[in-house]
Amino acid sequence: MEKGFVLINCELGAEDYIIEELKLIPQVKNANVTFGAYDVVAEVQAKNSQEFDQTVSQKIRTLSQVVSTMTLKATTQESK
């Protein structure tokens, strides 16, 4: 399981549109408008690294009105 967050900068006033589009992507578990350097943060959860990367590059980054993104990929460590 791969988890992470995608921080999104969008065009001015497009936050609600981006949130609605993100809700249509099954791997996006949560999305919220933020204040500060980024406009929207999306929580992404995928079966594996390849699906995670494809979700970010082919589904999120290609949304219209997305200007830029930063991906924070979480790694999980199994307990011994």
N, C-alpha and C. Protein backbone atom coordinates (compact mmCIF):
# COMPACT_ATOMS: atom_id res chain seq x y z
N MET A 1 0.85 -1.18 0.00
CA MET A 1 0.00 0.00 0.00
C MET A 1 0.89 1.24 0.00
N GLU A 2 0.61 2.16 -0.88
CA GLU A 2 1.34 3.43 -0.97
C GLU A 2 0.41 4.56 -0.56
N LYS A 3 0.92 5.44 0.29
CA LYS A 3 0.14 6.58 0.75
C LYS A 3 0.98 7.84 0.61
N GLY A 4 0.29 8.96 0.47
CA GLY A 4 0.99 10.22 0.41
C GLY A 4 0.03 11.38 0.23
N PHE A 5 0.60 12.55 0.09
CA PHE A 5 -0.18 13.77 -0.08
C PHE A 5 0.31 14.51 -1.31
N VAL A 6 -0.62 15.12 -2.02
CA VAL A 6 -0.27 15.95 -3.17
C VAL A 6 -0.73 17.37 -2.84
N LEU A 7 0.23 18.28 -2.81
CA LEU A 7 -0.05 19.70 -2.58
C LEU A 7 -0.23 20.34 -3.95
N ILE A 8 -1.32 21.05 -4.13
CA ILE A 8 -1.69 21.54 -5.45
C ILE A 8 -1.84 23.06 -5.45
N ASN A 9 -1.22 23.70 -6.44
CA ASN A 9 -1.47 25.10 -6.75
C ASN A 9 -2.38 25.12 -7.95
N CYS A 10 -3.45 25.91 -7.87
CA CYS A 10 -4.38 25.98 -9.00
C CYS A 10 -4.60 27.43 -9.39
N GLU A 11 -5.30 27.60 -10.49
CA GLU A 11 -5.62 28.94 -10.94
C GLU A 11 -6.54 29.61 -9.93
N LEU A 12 -6.47 30.91 -9.87
CA LEU A 12 -7.25 31.68 -8.91
C LEU A 12 -8.73 31.36 -9.02
N GLY A 13 -9.33 30.97 -7.90
CA GLY A 13 -10.76 30.68 -7.85
C GLY A 13 -11.15 29.28 -8.29
N ALA A 14 -10.18 28.42 -8.60
CA ALA A 14 -10.48 27.08 -9.10
C ALA A 14 -10.48 26.01 -8.01
N GLU A 15 -10.36 26.40 -6.77
CA GLU A 15 -10.24 25.43 -5.68
C GLU A 15 -11.43 24.47 -5.62
N ASP A 16 -12.64 24.99 -5.68
CA ASP A 16 -13.83 24.13 -5.60
C ASP A 16 -13.91 23.17 -6.77
N TYR A 17 -13.57 23.65 -7.96
CA TYR A 17 -13.54 22.79 -9.15
C TYR A 17 -12.54 21.65 -8.95
N ILE A 18 -11.36 21.97 -8.47
CA ILE A 18 -10.31 20.96 -8.26
C ILE A 18 -10.78 19.93 -7.23
N ILE A 19 -11.38 20.38 -6.13
CA ILE A 19 -11.88 19.46 -5.10
C ILE A 19 -12.91 18.50 -5.71
N GLU A 20 -13.83 19.02 -6.50
CA GLU A 20 -14.87 18.18 -7.11
C GLU A 20 -14.26 17.15 -8.07
N GLU A 21 -13.27 17.55 -8.83
CA GLU A 21 -12.59 16.63 -9.75
C GLU A 21 -11.81 15.57 -8.99
N LEU A 22 -11.16 15.95 -7.90
CA LEU A 22 -10.40 15.00 -7.10
C LEU A 22 -11.31 13.94 -6.49
N LYS A 23 -12.54 14.32 -6.13
CA LYS A 23 -13.49 13.37 -5.56
C LYS A 23 -13.84 12.24 -6.52
N LEU A 24 -13.63 12.46 -7.81
CA LEU A 24 -13.94 11.45 -8.83
C LEU A 24 -12.81 10.44 -9.02
N ILE A 25 -11.67 10.67 -8.41
CA ILE A 25 -10.51 9.78 -8.53
C ILE A 25 -10.53 8.81 -7.35
N PRO A 26 -10.69 7.50 -7.61
CA PRO A 26 -10.83 6.54 -6.51
C PRO A 26 -9.66 6.52 -5.53
N GLN A 27 -8.46 6.79 -5.99
CA GLN A 27 -7.28 6.75 -5.12
C GLN A 27 -7.17 7.96 -4.20
N VAL A 28 -7.95 9.02 -4.48
CA VAL A 28 -7.94 10.20 -3.62
C VAL A 28 -8.93 9.96 -2.49
N LYS A 29 -8.41 9.83 -1.28
CA LYS A 29 -9.23 9.51 -0.11
C LYS A 29 -9.78 10.74 0.58
N ASN A 30 -9.12 11.87 0.40
CA ASN A 30 -9.54 13.10 1.04
C ASN A 30 -8.92 14.28 0.30
N ALA A 31 -9.62 15.40 0.23
CA ALA A 31 -9.09 16.60 -0.39
C ALA A 31 -9.66 17.82 0.30
N ASN A 32 -8.79 18.78 0.58
CA ASN A 32 -9.21 19.98 1.30
C ASN A 32 -8.54 21.23 0.74
N VAL A 33 -9.25 22.34 0.81
CA VAL A 33 -8.67 23.64 0.48
C VAL A 33 -7.79 24.05 1.64
N THR A 34 -6.65 24.64 1.34
CA THR A 34 -5.72 25.09 2.37
C THR A 34 -5.41 26.57 2.18
N PHE A 35 -4.76 27.14 3.14
CA PHE A 35 -4.31 28.52 3.05
C PHE A 35 -2.80 28.52 3.19
N GLY A 36 -2.14 29.32 2.40
CA GLY A 36 -0.68 29.38 2.45
C GLY A 36 -0.09 29.17 1.07
N ALA A 37 1.01 28.46 1.02
CA ALA A 37 1.75 28.29 -0.24
C ALA A 37 1.00 27.43 -1.26
N TYR A 38 0.12 26.54 -0.80
CA TYR A 38 -0.63 25.67 -1.70
C TYR A 38 -2.12 25.90 -1.51
N ASP A 39 -2.90 25.61 -2.54
CA ASP A 39 -4.34 25.86 -2.52
C ASP A 39 -5.16 24.65 -2.06
N VAL A 40 -4.71 23.45 -2.43
CA VAL A 40 -5.45 22.22 -2.14
C VAL A 40 -4.46 21.15 -1.71
N VAL A 41 -4.87 20.32 -0.76
CA VAL A 41 -4.07 19.15 -0.39
C VAL A 41 -4.95 17.92 -0.59
N ALA A 42 -4.39 16.91 -1.28
CA ALA A 42 -5.12 15.67 -1.55
C ALA A 42 -4.37 14.51 -0.92
N GLU A 43 -5.10 13.65 -0.22
CA GLU A 43 -4.54 12.43 0.36
C GLU A 43 -4.75 11.31 -0.66
N VAL A 44 -3.66 10.66 -1.04
CA VAL A 44 -3.71 9.61 -2.06
C VAL A 44 -3.31 8.28 -1.44
N GLN A 45 -4.07 7.24 -1.77
CA GLN A 45 -3.77 5.89 -1.30
C GLN A 45 -3.93 4.96 -2.50
N ALA A 46 -2.88 4.19 -2.79
CA ALA A 46 -2.89 3.29 -3.94
C ALA A 46 -2.37 1.91 -3.55
N LYS A 47 -2.65 0.93 -4.40
CA LYS A 47 -2.24 -0.46 -4.12
C LYS A 47 -0.73 -0.62 -4.11
N ASN A 48 -0.05 0.12 -5.00
CA ASN A 48 1.40 0.00 -5.12
C ASN A 48 1.99 1.30 -5.63
N SER A 49 3.31 1.33 -5.72
CA SER A 49 4.01 2.54 -6.13
C SER A 49 3.65 2.96 -7.55
N GLN A 50 3.52 2.00 -8.44
CA GLN A 50 3.18 2.31 -9.83
C GLN A 50 1.80 2.98 -9.93
N GLU A 51 0.81 2.43 -9.23
CA GLU A 51 -0.53 3.02 -9.25
C GLU A 51 -0.52 4.41 -8.62
N PHE A 52 0.25 4.58 -7.56
CA PHE A 52 0.37 5.89 -6.91
C PHE A 52 0.93 6.91 -7.90
N ASP A 53 2.05 6.54 -8.53
CA ASP A 53 2.70 7.46 -9.47
C ASP A 53 1.80 7.80 -10.65
N GLN A 54 1.07 6.81 -11.18
CA GLN A 54 0.16 7.05 -12.29
C GLN A 54 -1.00 7.96 -11.88
N THR A 55 -1.48 7.78 -10.67
CA THR A 55 -2.56 8.63 -10.18
C THR A 55 -2.12 10.09 -10.14
N VAL A 56 -0.93 10.32 -9.62
CA VAL A 56 -0.42 11.69 -9.52
C VAL A 56 -0.14 12.26 -10.91
N SER A 57 0.60 11.53 -11.72
CA SER A 57 1.03 12.09 -13.01
C SER A 57 -0.05 12.12 -14.07
N GLN A 58 -0.93 11.12 -14.10
CA GLN A 58 -1.91 11.04 -15.18
C GLN A 58 -3.31 11.50 -14.81
N LYS A 59 -3.62 11.56 -13.52
CA LYS A 59 -4.97 11.95 -13.11
C LYS A 59 -5.01 13.30 -12.41
N ILE A 60 -4.07 13.55 -11.51
CA ILE A 60 -4.11 14.80 -10.75
C ILE A 60 -3.42 15.93 -11.49
N ARG A 61 -2.20 15.70 -11.92
CA ARG A 61 -1.42 16.77 -12.56
C ARG A 61 -2.01 17.22 -13.89
N THR A 62 -2.81 16.37 -14.51
CA THR A 62 -3.38 16.72 -15.81
C THR A 62 -4.74 17.40 -15.72
N LEU A 63 -5.26 17.57 -14.50
CA LEU A 63 -6.53 18.29 -14.35
C LEU A 63 -6.38 19.72 -14.86
N SER A 64 -7.41 20.18 -15.58
CA SER A 64 -7.35 21.56 -16.02
C SER A 64 -7.37 22.47 -14.80
N GLN A 65 -6.71 23.58 -14.89
CA GLN A 65 -6.59 24.60 -13.84
C GLN A 65 -5.60 24.23 -12.74
N VAL A 66 -4.92 23.08 -12.85
CA VAL A 66 -3.81 22.78 -11.94
C VAL A 66 -2.57 23.45 -12.50
N VAL A 67 -1.93 24.27 -11.69
CA VAL A 67 -0.74 25.00 -12.12
C VAL A 67 0.53 24.23 -11.77
N SER A 68 0.59 23.70 -10.54
CA SER A 68 1.76 22.93 -10.12
C SER A 68 1.39 22.04 -8.94
N THR A 69 2.24 21.03 -8.70
CA THR A 69 2.01 20.12 -7.58
C THR A 69 3.32 19.81 -6.88
N MET A 70 3.19 19.37 -5.63
CA MET A 70 4.32 18.80 -4.90
C MET A 70 3.80 17.54 -4.24
N THR A 71 4.49 16.43 -4.45
CA THR A 71 4.06 15.16 -3.91
C THR A 71 4.90 14.78 -2.70
N LEU A 72 4.23 14.43 -1.62
CA LEU A 72 4.88 13.97 -0.40
C LEU A 72 4.47 12.52 -0.21
N LYS A 73 5.34 11.62 -0.58
CA LYS A 73 5.03 10.19 -0.53
C LYS A 73 5.48 9.63 0.80
N ALA A 74 4.56 8.99 1.51
CA ALA A 74 4.86 8.41 2.81
C ALA A 74 5.36 6.99 2.63
N THR A 75 6.37 6.63 3.39
CA THR A 75 6.82 5.24 3.39
C THR A 75 6.46 4.63 4.73
N THR A 76 5.96 3.43 4.68
CA THR A 76 5.61 2.74 5.92
C THR A 76 6.67 1.72 6.23
N GLN A 77 6.99 1.60 7.50
CA GLN A 77 7.98 0.62 7.93
C GLN A 77 7.25 -0.45 8.72
N GLU A 78 7.52 -1.66 8.35
CA GLU A 78 6.90 -2.77 9.06
C GLU A 78 7.60 -2.98 10.40
N SER A 79 6.83 -3.28 11.42
CA SER A 79 7.42 -3.54 12.73
C SER A 79 8.04 -4.93 12.75
N LYS A 80 9.12 -5.05 13.50
CA LYS A 80 9.85 -6.32 13.56
C LYS A 80 9.39 -7.16 14.71
